[in-house]
Amino acid sequence: MKRYIPLALVLLGGLLVSKSVYYYGKGALANVLLTRAWEKSKETKSHHNPWSWADMYPVGRIEIESVELSSVVLNTISGEALAFGPGHLSSTPKPGRPGNIVLAGHRDGHFRKLKNVQEGDLIKLESQFATQNYTVTEITPTAGNDIYWVDETETDCITLITCYPFNYVGQADDRFVVRGMINNN
């Protein structure tokens, strides 16, 4: 019986490693498929799903070079979509339109790098029709029930929302908000 214990431990270790490799590979493949769908969407000016059974599609690409954030933006903030990238809050203007464009993402995923954003940083939001540039003007940790961040604004802006604090384990009740105003330069 004692001779089977090392074999069982090796098999268990292999199972744990293979699970991590599977999830990493799944994420890498999803990123490739999302990027391809985004490129096709820009080219044809219509929506393309990244895989046939997807209930989401790309509507833009966000880049913040100062913190090395670059991600395809999806059309929804459903749980499945947020696992693959930041999503657009459907009650706000779509990327490329005037108004307060609101994007949400997971603090332990695509929006993790927001913790290093500083006022004055440039946010680029590419849509099917244009690229808009925003300058970060406000960075605010706030209560999760402060929903006025999604309200219409007098000027064109982008609002990025993620959970807060960044190092919290579990479901965080607070939010971290980054707002950028349109930069017409």
N, C-alpha and C. Protein backbone atom coordinates (compact mmCIF):
# COMPACT_ATOMS: atom_id res chain seq x y z
N MET A 1 0.82 -1.21 0.00
CA MET A 1 0.00 0.00 0.00
C MET A 1 0.86 1.26 0.00
N LYS A 2 1.95 1.28 0.76
CA LYS A 2 2.80 2.46 0.86
C LYS A 2 3.45 2.81 -0.48
N ARG A 3 3.66 1.82 -1.33
CA ARG A 3 4.30 2.11 -2.62
C ARG A 3 3.37 2.84 -3.58
N TYR A 4 2.06 2.83 -3.32
CA TYR A 4 1.10 3.52 -4.18
C TYR A 4 0.95 5.01 -3.83
N ILE A 5 1.37 5.38 -2.64
CA ILE A 5 1.24 6.77 -2.21
C ILE A 5 2.03 7.71 -3.12
N PRO A 6 3.31 7.43 -3.44
CA PRO A 6 4.02 8.33 -4.37
C PRO A 6 3.36 8.41 -5.74
N LEU A 7 2.86 7.29 -6.24
CA LEU A 7 2.17 7.28 -7.53
C LEU A 7 0.91 8.15 -7.47
N ALA A 8 0.17 8.03 -6.37
CA ALA A 8 -1.06 8.82 -6.22
C ALA A 8 -0.71 10.31 -6.15
N LEU A 9 0.36 10.65 -5.44
CA LEU A 9 0.77 12.06 -5.35
C LEU A 9 1.21 12.61 -6.70
N VAL A 10 1.93 11.81 -7.47
CA VAL A 10 2.35 12.24 -8.81
C VAL A 10 1.14 12.45 -9.70
N LEU A 11 0.18 11.54 -9.65
CA LEU A 11 -1.04 11.68 -10.46
C LEU A 11 -1.84 12.91 -10.04
N LEU A 12 -1.95 13.14 -8.75
CA LEU A 12 -2.67 14.32 -8.25
C LEU A 12 -1.97 15.60 -8.70
N GLY A 13 -0.64 15.62 -8.58
CA GLY A 13 0.13 16.78 -9.04
C GLY A 13 -0.05 17.03 -10.52
N GLY A 14 -0.02 15.96 -11.31
CA GLY A 14 -0.24 16.08 -12.75
C GLY A 14 -1.61 16.63 -13.08
N LEU A 15 -2.62 16.18 -12.32
CA LEU A 15 -3.98 16.68 -12.52
C LEU A 15 -4.07 18.17 -12.23
N LEU A 16 -3.46 18.61 -11.14
CA LEU A 16 -3.50 20.03 -10.78
C LEU A 16 -2.76 20.88 -11.81
N VAL A 17 -1.62 20.42 -12.28
CA VAL A 17 -0.87 21.17 -13.29
C VAL A 17 -1.64 21.22 -14.60
N SER A 18 -2.24 20.11 -14.99
CA SER A 18 -2.97 20.08 -16.27
C SER A 18 -4.18 21.01 -16.24
N LYS A 19 -4.81 21.15 -15.08
CA LYS A 19 -5.95 22.07 -14.97
C LYS A 19 -5.49 23.51 -15.21
N SER A 20 -4.36 23.89 -14.62
CA SER A 20 -3.82 25.24 -14.82
C SER A 20 -3.44 25.47 -16.27
N VAL A 21 -2.81 24.49 -16.88
CA VAL A 21 -2.42 24.60 -18.29
C VAL A 21 -3.66 24.74 -19.16
N TYR A 22 -4.72 23.98 -18.85
CA TYR A 22 -5.96 24.06 -19.61
C TYR A 22 -6.55 25.48 -19.56
N TYR A 23 -6.66 26.05 -18.35
CA TYR A 23 -7.25 27.38 -18.23
C TYR A 23 -6.39 28.46 -18.87
N TYR A 24 -5.08 28.34 -18.74
CA TYR A 24 -4.19 29.30 -19.39
C TYR A 24 -4.33 29.21 -20.91
N GLY A 25 -4.34 27.99 -21.44
CA GLY A 25 -4.49 27.79 -22.88
C GLY A 25 -5.83 28.28 -23.39
N LYS A 26 -6.88 28.04 -22.61
CA LYS A 26 -8.22 28.51 -22.98
C LYS A 26 -8.25 30.03 -23.08
N GLY A 27 -7.61 30.70 -22.11
CA GLY A 27 -7.56 32.16 -22.12
C GLY A 27 -6.76 32.70 -23.29
N ALA A 28 -5.63 32.06 -23.57
CA ALA A 28 -4.79 32.50 -24.69
C ALA A 28 -5.52 32.33 -26.02
N LEU A 29 -6.18 31.19 -26.20
CA LEU A 29 -6.94 30.95 -27.43
C LEU A 29 -8.09 31.95 -27.55
N ALA A 30 -8.79 32.20 -26.46
CA ALA A 30 -9.89 33.17 -26.48
C ALA A 30 -9.39 34.55 -26.89
N ASN A 31 -8.23 34.95 -26.40
CA ASN A 31 -7.66 36.25 -26.75
C ASN A 31 -7.38 36.33 -28.25
N VAL A 32 -6.85 35.27 -28.83
CA VAL A 32 -6.58 35.24 -30.28
C VAL A 32 -7.90 35.35 -31.05
N LEU A 33 -8.91 34.59 -30.63
CA LEU A 33 -10.20 34.60 -31.33
C LEU A 33 -10.91 35.95 -31.18
N LEU A 34 -10.81 36.56 -30.01
CA LEU A 34 -11.42 37.87 -29.80
C LEU A 34 -10.74 38.93 -30.68
N THR A 35 -9.42 38.87 -30.75
CA THR A 35 -8.68 39.83 -31.58
C THR A 35 -9.06 39.66 -33.05
N ARG A 36 -9.15 38.43 -33.51
CA ARG A 36 -9.56 38.18 -34.91
C ARG A 36 -10.97 38.71 -35.17
N ALA A 37 -11.89 38.44 -34.24
CA ALA A 37 -13.26 38.92 -34.41
C ALA A 37 -13.30 40.44 -34.42
N TRP A 38 -12.47 41.09 -33.58
CA TRP A 38 -12.42 42.55 -33.56
C TRP A 38 -11.90 43.10 -34.88
N GLU A 39 -10.83 42.52 -35.39
CA GLU A 39 -10.26 42.98 -36.67
C GLU A 39 -11.28 42.82 -37.80
N LYS A 40 -11.99 41.71 -37.79
CA LYS A 40 -13.02 41.47 -38.82
C LYS A 40 -14.17 42.47 -38.66
N SER A 41 -14.55 42.77 -37.41
CA SER A 41 -15.62 43.73 -37.16
C SER A 41 -15.25 45.12 -37.66
N LYS A 42 -13.99 45.52 -37.44
CA LYS A 42 -13.54 46.83 -37.94
C LYS A 42 -13.57 46.86 -39.46
N GLU A 43 -13.12 45.79 -40.06
CA GLU A 43 -13.03 45.72 -41.52
C GLU A 43 -14.40 45.77 -42.19
N THR A 44 -15.36 45.03 -41.64
CA THR A 44 -16.68 44.92 -42.26
C THR A 44 -17.71 45.89 -41.69
N LYS A 45 -17.35 46.59 -40.59
CA LYS A 45 -18.27 47.51 -39.90
C LYS A 45 -19.53 46.81 -39.43
N SER A 46 -19.39 45.53 -39.05
CA SER A 46 -20.51 44.76 -38.48
C SER A 46 -19.96 43.86 -37.39
N HIS A 47 -20.85 43.30 -36.57
CA HIS A 47 -20.43 42.49 -35.43
C HIS A 47 -20.10 41.07 -35.85
N HIS A 48 -19.05 40.53 -35.23
CA HIS A 48 -18.64 39.14 -35.48
C HIS A 48 -18.36 38.47 -34.14
N ASN A 49 -18.99 37.34 -33.91
CA ASN A 49 -18.75 36.60 -32.68
C ASN A 49 -17.38 35.94 -32.75
N PRO A 50 -16.68 35.86 -31.61
CA PRO A 50 -15.35 35.27 -31.60
C PRO A 50 -15.37 33.75 -31.81
N TRP A 51 -16.44 33.10 -31.42
CA TRP A 51 -16.65 31.67 -31.68
C TRP A 51 -18.15 31.47 -31.84
N SER A 52 -18.54 30.41 -32.49
CA SER A 52 -19.93 30.25 -32.95
C SER A 52 -20.96 30.29 -31.83
N TRP A 53 -20.68 29.80 -30.65
CA TRP A 53 -21.66 29.76 -29.58
C TRP A 53 -21.55 30.95 -28.62
N ALA A 54 -20.70 31.91 -28.92
CA ALA A 54 -20.51 33.06 -28.03
C ALA A 54 -21.76 33.93 -27.99
N ASP A 55 -22.11 34.39 -26.78
CA ASP A 55 -23.23 35.32 -26.64
C ASP A 55 -22.73 36.75 -26.48
N MET A 56 -21.53 37.00 -27.02
CA MET A 56 -20.90 38.31 -26.93
C MET A 56 -20.13 38.55 -28.22
N TYR A 57 -19.78 39.83 -28.43
CA TYR A 57 -18.95 40.17 -29.59
C TYR A 57 -18.17 41.45 -29.27
N PRO A 58 -17.06 41.66 -29.95
CA PRO A 58 -16.24 42.85 -29.69
C PRO A 58 -16.90 44.12 -30.22
N VAL A 59 -16.78 45.21 -29.44
CA VAL A 59 -17.28 46.52 -29.87
C VAL A 59 -16.18 47.57 -29.84
N GLY A 60 -14.97 47.17 -29.43
CA GLY A 60 -13.89 48.14 -29.37
C GLY A 60 -12.61 47.53 -28.83
N ARG A 61 -11.62 48.39 -28.70
CA ARG A 61 -10.35 48.01 -28.07
C ARG A 61 -9.91 49.19 -27.23
N ILE A 62 -9.54 48.90 -25.99
CA ILE A 62 -9.05 49.93 -25.07
C ILE A 62 -7.55 49.74 -24.87
N GLU A 63 -6.85 50.87 -24.85
CA GLU A 63 -5.41 50.84 -24.59
C GLU A 63 -5.04 51.98 -23.64
N ILE A 64 -4.26 51.63 -22.63
CA ILE A 64 -3.64 52.61 -21.75
C ILE A 64 -2.18 52.23 -21.71
N GLU A 65 -1.40 52.87 -22.57
CA GLU A 65 0.00 52.48 -22.73
C GLU A 65 0.80 52.64 -21.45
N SER A 66 0.50 53.63 -20.64
CA SER A 66 1.28 53.90 -19.43
C SER A 66 1.27 52.74 -18.44
N VAL A 67 0.23 51.91 -18.48
CA VAL A 67 0.15 50.76 -17.58
C VAL A 67 0.12 49.44 -18.35
N GLU A 68 0.40 49.52 -19.66
CA GLU A 68 0.45 48.35 -20.53
C GLU A 68 -0.87 47.57 -20.55
N LEU A 69 -1.98 48.30 -20.57
CA LEU A 69 -3.29 47.68 -20.69
C LEU A 69 -3.73 47.76 -22.14
N SER A 70 -4.08 46.64 -22.71
CA SER A 70 -4.60 46.58 -24.07
C SER A 70 -5.56 45.40 -24.13
N SER A 71 -6.81 45.68 -24.45
CA SER A 71 -7.81 44.62 -24.42
C SER A 71 -8.96 44.91 -25.37
N VAL A 72 -9.51 43.86 -25.92
CA VAL A 72 -10.73 43.96 -26.72
C VAL A 72 -11.89 44.20 -25.75
N VAL A 73 -12.77 45.12 -26.12
CA VAL A 73 -13.95 45.44 -25.31
C VAL A 73 -15.14 44.68 -25.87
N LEU A 74 -15.88 44.01 -24.99
CA LEU A 74 -17.04 43.22 -25.41
C LEU A 74 -18.33 44.01 -25.22
N ASN A 75 -19.37 43.58 -25.86
CA ASN A 75 -20.63 44.32 -25.90
C ASN A 75 -21.47 44.20 -24.63
N THR A 76 -21.07 43.40 -23.69
CA THR A 76 -21.89 43.16 -22.51
C THR A 76 -21.02 42.99 -21.27
N ILE A 77 -21.64 43.13 -20.11
CA ILE A 77 -20.91 42.89 -18.86
C ILE A 77 -21.44 41.62 -18.19
N SER A 78 -21.88 40.66 -18.99
CA SER A 78 -22.31 39.38 -18.43
C SER A 78 -21.12 38.68 -17.81
N GLY A 79 -21.38 37.72 -16.94
CA GLY A 79 -20.31 36.99 -16.29
C GLY A 79 -19.38 36.30 -17.26
N GLU A 80 -19.94 35.68 -18.31
CA GLU A 80 -19.11 35.01 -19.31
C GLU A 80 -18.22 36.01 -20.04
N ALA A 81 -18.79 37.12 -20.43
CA ALA A 81 -18.02 38.11 -21.19
C ALA A 81 -16.88 38.66 -20.34
N LEU A 82 -17.15 39.01 -19.09
CA LEU A 82 -16.11 39.60 -18.25
C LEU A 82 -14.98 38.63 -17.96
N ALA A 83 -15.21 37.35 -18.13
CA ALA A 83 -14.13 36.38 -17.97
C ALA A 83 -13.11 36.52 -19.11
N PHE A 84 -13.54 37.07 -20.25
CA PHE A 84 -12.67 37.18 -21.42
C PHE A 84 -12.18 38.59 -21.70
N GLY A 85 -12.77 39.60 -21.06
CA GLY A 85 -12.33 40.97 -21.29
C GLY A 85 -13.29 41.96 -20.67
N PRO A 86 -12.93 43.23 -20.69
CA PRO A 86 -13.84 44.25 -20.17
C PRO A 86 -15.08 44.35 -21.06
N GLY A 87 -16.18 44.77 -20.45
CA GLY A 87 -17.43 44.88 -21.20
C GLY A 87 -17.99 46.28 -21.17
N HIS A 88 -18.85 46.54 -22.14
CA HIS A 88 -19.53 47.83 -22.27
C HIS A 88 -20.87 47.75 -21.55
N LEU A 89 -21.17 48.74 -20.73
CA LEU A 89 -22.46 48.82 -20.05
C LEU A 89 -23.49 49.31 -21.07
N SER A 90 -24.44 48.46 -21.39
CA SER A 90 -25.35 48.70 -22.52
C SER A 90 -26.23 49.93 -22.37
N SER A 91 -26.44 50.42 -21.16
CA SER A 91 -27.29 51.60 -20.98
C SER A 91 -26.54 52.91 -21.24
N THR A 92 -25.27 52.81 -21.63
CA THR A 92 -24.46 54.00 -21.91
C THR A 92 -24.09 54.02 -23.40
N PRO A 93 -23.63 55.17 -23.92
CA PRO A 93 -23.28 55.24 -25.34
C PRO A 93 -22.22 54.20 -25.72
N LYS A 94 -22.35 53.67 -26.91
CA LYS A 94 -21.38 52.70 -27.42
C LYS A 94 -20.07 53.39 -27.74
N PRO A 95 -18.97 52.63 -27.71
CA PRO A 95 -17.69 53.21 -28.11
C PRO A 95 -17.80 53.88 -29.48
N GLY A 96 -17.25 55.07 -29.59
CA GLY A 96 -17.31 55.83 -30.83
C GLY A 96 -18.43 56.87 -30.83
N ARG A 97 -19.32 56.81 -29.85
CA ARG A 97 -20.44 57.74 -29.76
C ARG A 97 -20.15 58.80 -28.69
N PRO A 98 -20.82 59.95 -28.76
CA PRO A 98 -20.64 60.96 -27.72
C PRO A 98 -21.35 60.57 -26.42
N GLY A 99 -20.86 61.11 -25.31
CA GLY A 99 -21.48 60.86 -24.01
C GLY A 99 -20.52 60.17 -23.06
N ASN A 100 -21.07 59.60 -22.00
CA ASN A 100 -20.32 58.90 -20.97
C ASN A 100 -20.29 57.41 -21.30
N ILE A 101 -19.22 56.95 -21.89
CA ILE A 101 -19.06 55.54 -22.26
C ILE A 101 -18.54 54.81 -21.02
N VAL A 102 -19.28 53.82 -20.55
CA VAL A 102 -18.89 53.10 -19.33
C VAL A 102 -18.46 51.68 -19.68
N LEU A 103 -17.26 51.33 -19.19
CA LEU A 103 -16.72 49.98 -19.36
C LEU A 103 -16.44 49.41 -17.98
N ALA A 104 -16.69 48.12 -17.82
CA ALA A 104 -16.43 47.44 -16.56
C ALA A 104 -15.57 46.22 -16.81
N GLY A 105 -14.76 45.87 -15.82
CA GLY A 105 -13.90 44.70 -15.94
C GLY A 105 -13.51 44.19 -14.57
N HIS A 106 -13.02 42.96 -14.53
CA HIS A 106 -12.62 42.35 -13.26
C HIS A 106 -11.29 42.93 -12.76
N ARG A 107 -11.23 43.16 -11.47
CA ARG A 107 -10.00 43.69 -10.84
C ARG A 107 -8.88 42.67 -10.83
N ASP A 108 -9.21 41.40 -10.93
CA ASP A 108 -8.18 40.36 -10.94
C ASP A 108 -7.97 39.82 -12.35
N GLY A 109 -8.43 40.60 -13.33
CA GLY A 109 -8.28 40.20 -14.73
C GLY A 109 -7.79 41.37 -15.56
N HIS A 110 -8.53 41.70 -16.59
CA HIS A 110 -8.11 42.72 -17.55
C HIS A 110 -7.97 44.12 -16.96
N PHE A 111 -8.73 44.44 -15.92
CA PHE A 111 -8.64 45.78 -15.33
C PHE A 111 -7.74 45.83 -14.10
N ARG A 112 -6.96 44.81 -13.84
CA ARG A 112 -6.03 44.80 -12.72
C ARG A 112 -5.02 45.94 -12.83
N LYS A 113 -4.63 46.26 -14.04
CA LYS A 113 -3.60 47.29 -14.25
C LYS A 113 -4.11 48.70 -13.97
N LEU A 114 -5.42 48.87 -13.77
CA LEU A 114 -5.96 50.19 -13.46
C LEU A 114 -5.42 50.71 -12.14
N LYS A 115 -4.96 49.84 -11.25
CA LYS A 115 -4.44 50.29 -9.96
C LYS A 115 -3.21 51.18 -10.12
N ASN A 116 -2.57 51.12 -11.30
CA ASN A 116 -1.37 51.93 -11.55
C ASN A 116 -1.62 53.16 -12.42
N VAL A 117 -2.86 53.39 -12.81
CA VAL A 117 -3.20 54.55 -13.64
C VAL A 117 -3.03 55.82 -12.82
N GLN A 118 -2.60 56.88 -13.50
CA GLN A 118 -2.44 58.18 -12.85
C GLN A 118 -3.16 59.25 -13.65
N GLU A 119 -3.52 60.32 -12.96
CA GLU A 119 -4.15 61.46 -13.65
C GLU A 119 -3.20 61.94 -14.74
N GLY A 120 -3.75 62.27 -15.90
CA GLY A 120 -2.97 62.72 -17.04
C GLY A 120 -2.64 61.61 -18.02
N ASP A 121 -2.82 60.33 -17.62
CA ASP A 121 -2.56 59.22 -18.54
C ASP A 121 -3.55 59.25 -19.70
N LEU A 122 -3.13 58.73 -20.83
CA LEU A 122 -3.95 58.70 -22.04
C LEU A 122 -4.67 57.36 -22.16
N ILE A 123 -5.96 57.42 -22.43
CA ILE A 123 -6.78 56.24 -22.70
C ILE A 123 -7.20 56.32 -24.16
N LYS A 124 -6.90 55.28 -24.94
CA LYS A 124 -7.35 55.21 -26.33
C LYS A 124 -8.48 54.19 -26.41
N LEU A 125 -9.58 54.60 -27.01
CA LEU A 125 -10.71 53.71 -27.22
C LEU A 125 -11.01 53.65 -28.71
N GLU A 126 -10.77 52.51 -29.28
CA GLU A 126 -10.99 52.31 -30.70
C GLU A 126 -12.37 51.68 -30.89
N SER A 127 -13.15 52.23 -31.82
CA SER A 127 -14.43 51.65 -32.19
C SER A 127 -14.36 51.23 -33.66
N GLN A 128 -15.44 50.74 -34.19
CA GLN A 128 -15.46 50.33 -35.60
C GLN A 128 -15.25 51.52 -36.52
N PHE A 129 -15.52 52.73 -36.03
CA PHE A 129 -15.52 53.89 -36.91
C PHE A 129 -14.42 54.91 -36.63
N ALA A 130 -13.88 54.92 -35.39
CA ALA A 130 -12.90 55.95 -35.04
C ALA A 130 -12.13 55.53 -33.78
N THR A 131 -11.07 56.28 -33.50
CA THR A 131 -10.35 56.13 -32.24
C THR A 131 -10.50 57.42 -31.46
N GLN A 132 -10.97 57.29 -30.23
CA GLN A 132 -11.14 58.45 -29.37
C GLN A 132 -10.04 58.42 -28.31
N ASN A 133 -9.50 59.58 -27.99
CA ASN A 133 -8.48 59.70 -26.96
C ASN A 133 -9.06 60.45 -25.77
N TYR A 134 -8.78 59.94 -24.58
CA TYR A 134 -9.25 60.54 -23.34
C TYR A 134 -8.06 60.75 -22.42
N THR A 135 -8.13 61.78 -21.61
CA THR A 135 -7.11 62.05 -20.61
C THR A 135 -7.71 61.75 -19.24
N VAL A 136 -7.02 60.93 -18.43
CA VAL A 136 -7.52 60.58 -17.10
C VAL A 136 -7.55 61.84 -16.24
N THR A 137 -8.73 62.15 -15.72
CA THR A 137 -8.92 63.34 -14.90
C THR A 137 -9.34 63.01 -13.47
N GLU A 138 -9.77 61.77 -13.25
CA GLU A 138 -10.29 61.43 -11.93
C GLU A 138 -10.07 59.95 -11.66
N ILE A 139 -9.57 59.65 -10.47
CA ILE A 139 -9.37 58.27 -10.01
C ILE A 139 -9.97 58.22 -8.61
N THR A 140 -11.02 57.41 -8.43
CA THR A 140 -11.76 57.44 -7.19
C THR A 140 -12.17 56.05 -6.72
N PRO A 141 -11.70 55.61 -5.56
CA PRO A 141 -12.32 54.45 -4.92
C PRO A 141 -13.66 54.93 -4.34
N THR A 142 -14.70 54.12 -4.49
CA THR A 142 -16.02 54.56 -4.07
C THR A 142 -16.85 53.36 -3.61
N ALA A 143 -17.96 53.62 -2.98
CA ALA A 143 -18.86 52.56 -2.55
C ALA A 143 -19.54 51.94 -3.79
N GLY A 144 -19.82 50.67 -3.70
CA GLY A 144 -20.43 49.96 -4.83
C GLY A 144 -21.81 50.46 -5.21
N ASN A 145 -22.49 51.11 -4.28
CA ASN A 145 -23.83 51.62 -4.60
C ASN A 145 -23.82 53.05 -5.12
N ASP A 146 -22.65 53.62 -5.36
CA ASP A 146 -22.54 54.96 -5.98
C ASP A 146 -22.68 54.81 -7.49
N ILE A 147 -23.92 54.76 -7.95
CA ILE A 147 -24.16 54.46 -9.37
C ILE A 147 -24.22 55.70 -10.25
N TYR A 148 -24.02 56.87 -9.67
CA TYR A 148 -24.07 58.10 -10.49
C TYR A 148 -22.95 58.13 -11.52
N TRP A 149 -21.95 57.28 -11.39
CA TRP A 149 -20.85 57.25 -12.36
C TRP A 149 -21.32 56.85 -13.75
N VAL A 150 -22.46 56.20 -13.85
CA VAL A 150 -22.97 55.76 -15.16
C VAL A 150 -23.96 56.76 -15.75
N ASP A 151 -24.25 57.83 -15.03
CA ASP A 151 -25.18 58.84 -15.52
C ASP A 151 -24.60 59.59 -16.72
N GLU A 152 -25.49 60.20 -17.48
CA GLU A 152 -25.05 61.04 -18.60
C GLU A 152 -24.26 62.22 -18.06
N THR A 153 -23.33 62.70 -18.87
CA THR A 153 -22.50 63.85 -18.49
C THR A 153 -22.64 64.93 -19.54
N GLU A 154 -22.23 66.14 -19.17
CA GLU A 154 -22.30 67.26 -20.11
C GLU A 154 -21.23 67.18 -21.18
N THR A 155 -20.12 66.52 -20.87
CA THR A 155 -19.03 66.39 -21.82
C THR A 155 -18.79 64.92 -22.13
N ASP A 156 -18.13 64.67 -23.26
CA ASP A 156 -17.81 63.30 -23.64
C ASP A 156 -16.71 62.77 -22.72
N CYS A 157 -16.92 61.57 -22.19
CA CYS A 157 -15.94 60.98 -21.30
C CYS A 157 -16.02 59.46 -21.35
N ILE A 158 -15.05 58.83 -20.73
CA ILE A 158 -15.04 57.39 -20.56
C ILE A 158 -14.93 57.12 -19.07
N THR A 159 -15.69 56.15 -18.59
CA THR A 159 -15.65 55.76 -17.19
C THR A 159 -15.34 54.28 -17.11
N LEU A 160 -14.25 53.95 -16.43
CA LEU A 160 -13.81 52.56 -16.25
C LEU A 160 -14.08 52.17 -14.80
N ILE A 161 -14.76 51.04 -14.61
CA ILE A 161 -15.15 50.61 -13.28
C ILE A 161 -14.69 49.18 -13.03
N THR A 162 -14.10 48.96 -11.86
CA THR A 162 -13.73 47.62 -11.42
C THR A 162 -13.95 47.53 -9.92
N CYS A 163 -13.88 46.32 -9.39
CA CYS A 163 -14.06 46.13 -7.95
C CYS A 163 -12.82 46.63 -7.20
N TYR A 164 -13.01 46.91 -5.91
CA TYR A 164 -11.95 47.47 -5.09
C TYR A 164 -12.13 46.97 -3.66
N PRO A 165 -11.09 46.71 -2.93
CA PRO A 165 -9.68 46.90 -3.24
C PRO A 165 -9.13 45.78 -4.14
N PHE A 166 -8.00 46.06 -4.76
CA PHE A 166 -7.43 45.14 -5.73
C PHE A 166 -6.93 43.85 -5.10
N ASN A 167 -6.45 43.90 -3.87
CA ASN A 167 -5.89 42.71 -3.24
C ASN A 167 -6.91 41.93 -2.41
N TYR A 168 -8.16 42.30 -2.45
CA TYR A 168 -9.21 41.65 -1.68
C TYR A 168 -9.52 40.29 -2.28
N VAL A 169 -9.73 39.30 -1.44
CA VAL A 169 -10.11 37.97 -1.90
C VAL A 169 -11.61 37.82 -1.67
N GLY A 170 -12.32 37.45 -2.71
CA GLY A 170 -13.77 37.31 -2.62
C GLY A 170 -14.48 38.45 -3.33
N GLN A 171 -15.77 38.54 -3.07
CA GLN A 171 -16.58 39.58 -3.72
C GLN A 171 -16.42 40.90 -2.97
N ALA A 172 -15.82 41.86 -3.62
CA ALA A 172 -15.59 43.17 -3.00
C ALA A 172 -16.81 44.06 -3.20
N ASP A 173 -17.17 44.80 -2.17
CA ASP A 173 -18.35 45.67 -2.23
C ASP A 173 -18.05 47.04 -2.81
N ASP A 174 -16.80 47.46 -2.77
CA ASP A 174 -16.46 48.80 -3.25
C ASP A 174 -16.03 48.77 -4.72
N ARG A 175 -15.91 49.95 -5.31
CA ARG A 175 -15.53 50.07 -6.71
C ARG A 175 -14.36 51.04 -6.86
N PHE A 176 -13.62 50.85 -7.93
CA PHE A 176 -12.51 51.73 -8.30
C PHE A 176 -12.89 52.33 -9.64
N VAL A 177 -12.98 53.64 -9.70
CA VAL A 177 -13.47 54.33 -10.89
C VAL A 177 -12.36 55.19 -11.47
N VAL A 178 -12.15 55.05 -12.77
CA VAL A 178 -11.21 55.91 -13.51
C VAL A 178 -12.03 56.62 -14.57
N ARG A 179 -11.96 57.94 -14.56
CA ARG A 179 -12.71 58.71 -15.57
C ARG A 179 -11.73 59.53 -16.39
N GLY A 180 -11.97 59.52 -17.69
CA GLY A 180 -11.17 60.32 -18.61
C GLY A 180 -12.05 61.21 -19.45
N MET A 181 -11.61 62.42 -19.67
CA MET A 181 -12.34 63.38 -20.51
C MET A 181 -11.78 63.34 -21.92
N ILE A 182 -12.66 63.57 -22.88
CA ILE A 182 -12.26 63.52 -24.30
C ILE A 182 -11.11 64.50 -24.53
N ASN A 183 -10.17 64.04 -25.31
CA ASN A 183 -8.99 64.83 -25.66
C ASN A 183 -9.06 65.06 -27.17
N ASN A 184 -9.36 66.25 -27.58
CA ASN A 184 -9.54 66.55 -29.01
C ASN A 184 -8.25 66.91 -29.74
N ASN A 185 -7.12 66.75 -29.08
CA ASN A 185 -5.83 67.10 -29.73
C ASN A 185 -5.40 66.01 -30.68
